Amino acid sequence: MDILIGTKNGYKVDELLFYLEDIEKINIHFLKDQDIDVDVLEDCNTLEENAQKKAVEISKKTKFLVLASDGGVDIPALDEDWNFLKNERTIGKGKSDVQKAEKLLEMMEGLEGESRKAEFHHALALAKEGKLLWSDEKVAERGYITKKLLDKNIPKNKWLSHLWYYPEFGKVFNKLDEFELEKVREQSKELKQSLQKKVAEILAKY
């Protein structure tokens, strides 16, 4: 079975590959390699609805099963100053990764301890030929926002991961080694299992 990963964002591609790993009898395709011109506006009221919309719209342009996603970071202590659905727009669209990181740290100045808690909510959706087949949303990661930017060598589009701190490792996400990354990803197992169960059901029909 052919599955198209419905994003051109390299970071999101890596995330979706993680959710699909170890599934047999699938061929994974990438949006950047397809002759598909689609720009889906993320204007829904929930992350799951945004993921559904993207999967459905992209699937109208291909025969492949389409997997799409949307994610958002919740920082409860910032309350109304932080838009859960629009992290990038809240922090300032068009800024460099360093500027975005520095802006968030500025917004969180004075917050200590548990007030720096953050949660990453991730929504996934599967669609085929314009029909939604499945979707789910769960908290995929929990961590803290560090109090300072450790360095400015931020991998492209991973500015928030450069601030996402795990006390148990004493590191931000972008500095984790493979073993630590696997431990962190255990937080995503419920969403991964949910997706893989649905893919198995679809495979059984083909």
Protein backbone atom coordinates (compact mmCIF):
# COMPACT_ATOMS: atom_id res chain seq x y z
CA MET A 1 0.00 0.00 0.00
CA ASP A 2 1.22 3.50 -0.86
CA ILE A 3 1.17 6.22 1.79
CA LEU A 4 1.96 9.85 1.02
CA ILE A 5 3.33 11.98 3.84
CA GLY A 6 1.36 15.18 3.45
CA THR A 7 3.94 17.83 4.30
CA LYS A 8 7.08 19.35 2.82
CA ASN A 9 8.39 20.43 6.22
CA GLY A 10 11.46 18.31 6.93
CA TYR A 11 10.93 18.27 10.69
CA LYS A 12 7.32 17.12 10.31
CA VAL A 13 8.37 14.49 7.77
CA ASP A 14 10.73 13.00 10.37
CA GLU A 15 7.92 12.97 12.94
CA LEU A 16 5.55 11.13 10.61
CA LEU A 17 8.22 8.63 9.60
CA PHE A 18 8.54 7.78 13.31
CA TYR A 19 4.82 7.02 13.53
CA LEU A 20 5.00 4.80 10.42
CA GLU A 21 8.18 2.91 11.32
CA ASP A 22 8.08 -0.90 11.44
CA ILE A 23 4.85 -1.15 9.44
CA GLU A 24 5.29 -3.79 6.78
CA LYS A 25 3.82 -3.80 3.28
CA ILE A 26 3.71 -0.03 2.84
CA ASN A 27 5.52 2.21 0.37
CA ILE A 28 6.16 5.69 1.73
CA HIS A 29 6.10 8.67 -0.64
CA PHE A 30 6.95 12.31 0.00
CA LEU A 31 4.98 15.39 -1.02
CA LYS A 32 8.12 17.15 -2.29
CA ASP A 33 8.51 14.43 -4.94
CA GLN A 34 4.93 14.62 -6.19
CA ASP A 35 3.41 16.86 -8.84
CA ILE A 36 0.88 18.20 -6.36
CA ASP A 37 0.18 21.89 -5.94
CA VAL A 38 -1.90 22.38 -2.80
CA ASP A 39 -1.82 24.97 -0.05
CA VAL A 40 -4.21 24.13 2.77
CA LEU A 41 -5.12 26.97 5.12
CA GLU A 42 -4.95 25.86 8.76
CA ASP A 43 -8.00 27.79 9.94
CA CYS A 44 -9.92 25.20 11.95
CA ASN A 45 -10.77 25.33 15.64
CA THR A 46 -8.69 22.31 16.69
CA LEU A 47 -5.41 20.68 15.70
CA GLU A 48 -7.28 17.50 14.78
CA GLU A 49 -9.60 19.39 12.43
CA ASN A 50 -6.58 21.04 10.78
CA ALA A 51 -4.95 17.63 10.27
CA GLN A 52 -8.20 16.24 8.87
CA LYS A 53 -8.55 19.15 6.46
CA LYS A 54 -4.98 18.77 5.17
CA ALA A 55 -5.27 15.02 4.71
CA VAL A 56 -8.58 15.29 2.85
CA GLU A 57 -7.54 18.14 0.56
CA ILE A 58 -4.19 16.57 -0.39
CA SER A 59 -5.83 13.18 -0.93
CA LYS A 60 -8.05 14.70 -3.63
CA LYS A 61 -4.89 15.14 -5.73
CA THR A 62 -3.52 11.60 -5.49
CA LYS A 63 -4.47 7.93 -5.45
CA PHE A 64 -2.22 7.37 -2.44
CA LEU A 65 -3.41 7.15 1.14
CA VAL A 66 -2.44 10.49 2.73
CA LEU A 67 -1.11 10.98 6.26
CA ALA A 68 -1.18 14.57 7.49
CA SER A 69 -0.62 16.19 10.86
CA ASP A 70 -0.87 19.32 12.92
CA GLY A 71 0.83 20.05 16.20
CA GLY A 72 0.83 22.73 18.82
CA VAL A 73 2.59 23.52 22.06
CA ASP A 74 0.57 24.45 25.09
CA ILE A 75 2.27 26.59 27.75
CA PRO A 76 -0.46 26.91 30.40
CA ALA A 77 1.32 29.61 32.42
CA LEU A 78 1.16 32.05 29.50
CA ASP A 79 -2.63 31.74 29.43
CA GLU A 80 -4.18 34.05 26.82
CA ASP A 81 -0.80 35.42 25.73
CA TRP A 82 -0.03 32.11 24.01
CA ASN A 83 -2.19 30.85 21.14
CA PHE A 84 -2.21 27.08 21.39
CA LEU A 85 -3.31 26.62 17.78
CA LYS A 86 -1.02 29.23 16.25
CA ASN A 87 2.37 29.03 17.93
CA GLU A 88 4.26 30.49 14.97
CA ARG A 89 1.89 33.39 14.49
CA THR A 90 1.84 34.15 18.22
CA ILE A 91 5.63 34.34 18.39
CA GLY A 92 5.92 36.38 15.19
CA LYS A 93 5.80 34.99 11.67
CA GLY A 94 8.75 35.92 9.48
CA LYS A 95 11.27 36.03 12.32
CA SER A 96 14.45 33.96 12.31
CA ASP A 97 14.63 30.86 14.50
CA VAL A 98 16.89 32.69 16.97
CA GLN A 99 14.48 35.64 17.14
CA LYS A 100 11.54 33.30 17.78
CA ALA A 101 13.40 31.52 20.58
CA GLU A 102 14.41 34.81 22.18
CA LYS A 103 10.85 36.13 21.93
CA LEU A 104 9.41 33.14 23.77
CA LEU A 105 12.05 33.42 26.49
CA GLU A 106 11.14 37.10 26.86
CA MET A 107 7.45 36.19 27.18
CA MET A 108 8.30 33.68 29.93
CA GLU A 109 10.66 35.93 31.87
CA GLY A 110 10.04 35.62 35.61
CA LEU A 111 8.31 32.23 35.41
CA GLU A 112 9.93 29.56 37.54
CA GLY A 113 9.72 25.81 38.12
CA GLU A 114 6.42 24.18 37.20
CA SER A 115 5.27 27.41 35.55
CA ARG A 116 7.64 26.57 32.70
CA LYS A 117 5.84 23.31 31.91
CA ALA A 118 4.88 22.71 28.29
CA GLU A 119 2.96 20.03 26.39
CA PHE A 120 3.16 19.13 22.71
CA HIS A 121 -0.22 18.13 21.31
CA HIS A 122 -0.07 16.16 18.06
CA ALA A 123 -2.93 15.34 15.71
CA LEU A 124 -2.77 12.86 12.84
CA ALA A 125 -5.25 12.13 10.05
CA LEU A 126 -5.55 9.62 7.22
CA ALA A 127 -7.56 10.24 4.08
CA LYS A 128 -7.97 8.66 0.67
CA GLU A 129 -9.38 10.30 -2.47
CA GLY A 130 -11.11 13.07 -0.53
CA LYS A 131 -12.55 10.86 2.22
CA LEU A 132 -11.42 11.03 5.84
CA LEU A 133 -10.63 7.54 7.14
CA TRP A 134 -9.26 8.20 10.62
CA SER A 135 -7.88 10.87 12.93
CA ASP A 136 -6.66 11.19 16.50
CA GLU A 137 -5.04 13.76 18.78
CA LYS A 138 -3.01 13.20 21.93
CA VAL A 139 -0.35 14.82 24.10
CA ALA A 140 2.81 13.47 22.47
CA GLU A 141 5.47 15.08 24.68
CA ARG A 142 5.82 16.83 28.02
CA GLY A 143 8.75 18.97 29.06
CA TYR A 144 9.80 22.42 30.23
CA ILE A 145 10.88 25.59 28.50
CA THR A 146 14.49 26.32 29.44
CA LYS A 147 15.35 29.69 30.96
CA LYS A 148 17.96 30.65 28.40
CA LEU A 149 19.06 29.92 24.84
CA LEU A 150 22.07 27.64 25.27
CA ASP A 151 23.49 28.50 21.84
CA LYS A 152 22.34 29.96 18.53
CA ASN A 153 23.17 26.90 16.41
CA ILE A 154 19.53 26.03 15.89
CA PRO A 155 18.68 23.39 13.26
CA LYS A 156 16.34 24.91 10.67
CA ASN A 157 12.71 25.14 11.84
CA LYS A 158 13.58 23.56 15.22
CA TRP A 159 13.70 26.70 17.35
CA LEU A 160 11.20 25.47 19.94
CA SER A 161 13.03 22.13 20.24
CA HIS A 162 16.10 24.20 21.16
CA LEU A 163 14.22 25.44 24.23
CA TRP A 164 12.36 22.21 25.09
CA TYR A 165 14.13 20.96 28.20
CA TYR A 166 14.10 17.52 29.85
CA PRO A 167 15.28 17.66 33.51
CA GLU A 168 15.95 13.91 33.56
CA PHE A 169 18.60 14.34 30.86
CA GLY A 170 19.71 17.89 31.58
CA LYS A 171 19.33 18.63 27.85
CA VAL A 172 17.06 20.32 25.35
CA PHE A 173 15.42 18.20 22.64
CA ASN A 174 17.89 19.16 19.91
CA LYS A 175 20.79 17.89 22.03
CA LEU A 176 19.38 14.44 22.85
CA ASP A 177 21.31 11.36 21.76
CA GLU A 178 19.59 8.36 20.14
CA PHE A 179 18.97 6.54 23.43
CA GLU A 180 17.47 9.64 25.05
CA LEU A 181 15.36 10.36 21.98
CA GLU A 182 13.90 6.86 22.12
CA LYS A 183 12.99 7.36 25.78
CA VAL A 184 11.28 10.66 24.98
CA ARG A 185 9.36 9.12 22.10
CA GLU A 186 7.81 6.60 24.45
CA GLN A 187 5.45 9.45 25.36
CA SER A 188 4.06 9.23 21.81
CA LYS A 189 3.34 5.50 21.90
CA GLU A 190 -0.44 5.87 22.35
CA LEU A 191 -0.79 7.98 19.22
CA LYS A 192 1.59 5.71 17.33
CA GLN A 193 -0.37 2.61 18.31
CA SER A 194 -3.64 4.30 17.34
CA LEU A 195 -2.31 5.12 13.85
CA GLN A 196 -0.72 1.73 13.30
CA LYS A 197 -3.89 -0.08 14.32
CA LYS A 198 -5.85 1.86 11.69
CA VAL A 199 -3.20 1.25 9.01
CA ALA A 200 -3.35 -2.48 9.81
CA GLU A 201 -7.14 -2.41 9.35
CA ILE A 202 -6.77 -0.68 5.98
CA LEU A 203 -4.06 -3.12 4.88
CA ALA A 204 -6.35 -6.03 5.71
CA LYS A 205 -8.88 -4.71 3.17
CA TYR A 206 -6.38 -4.55 0.28
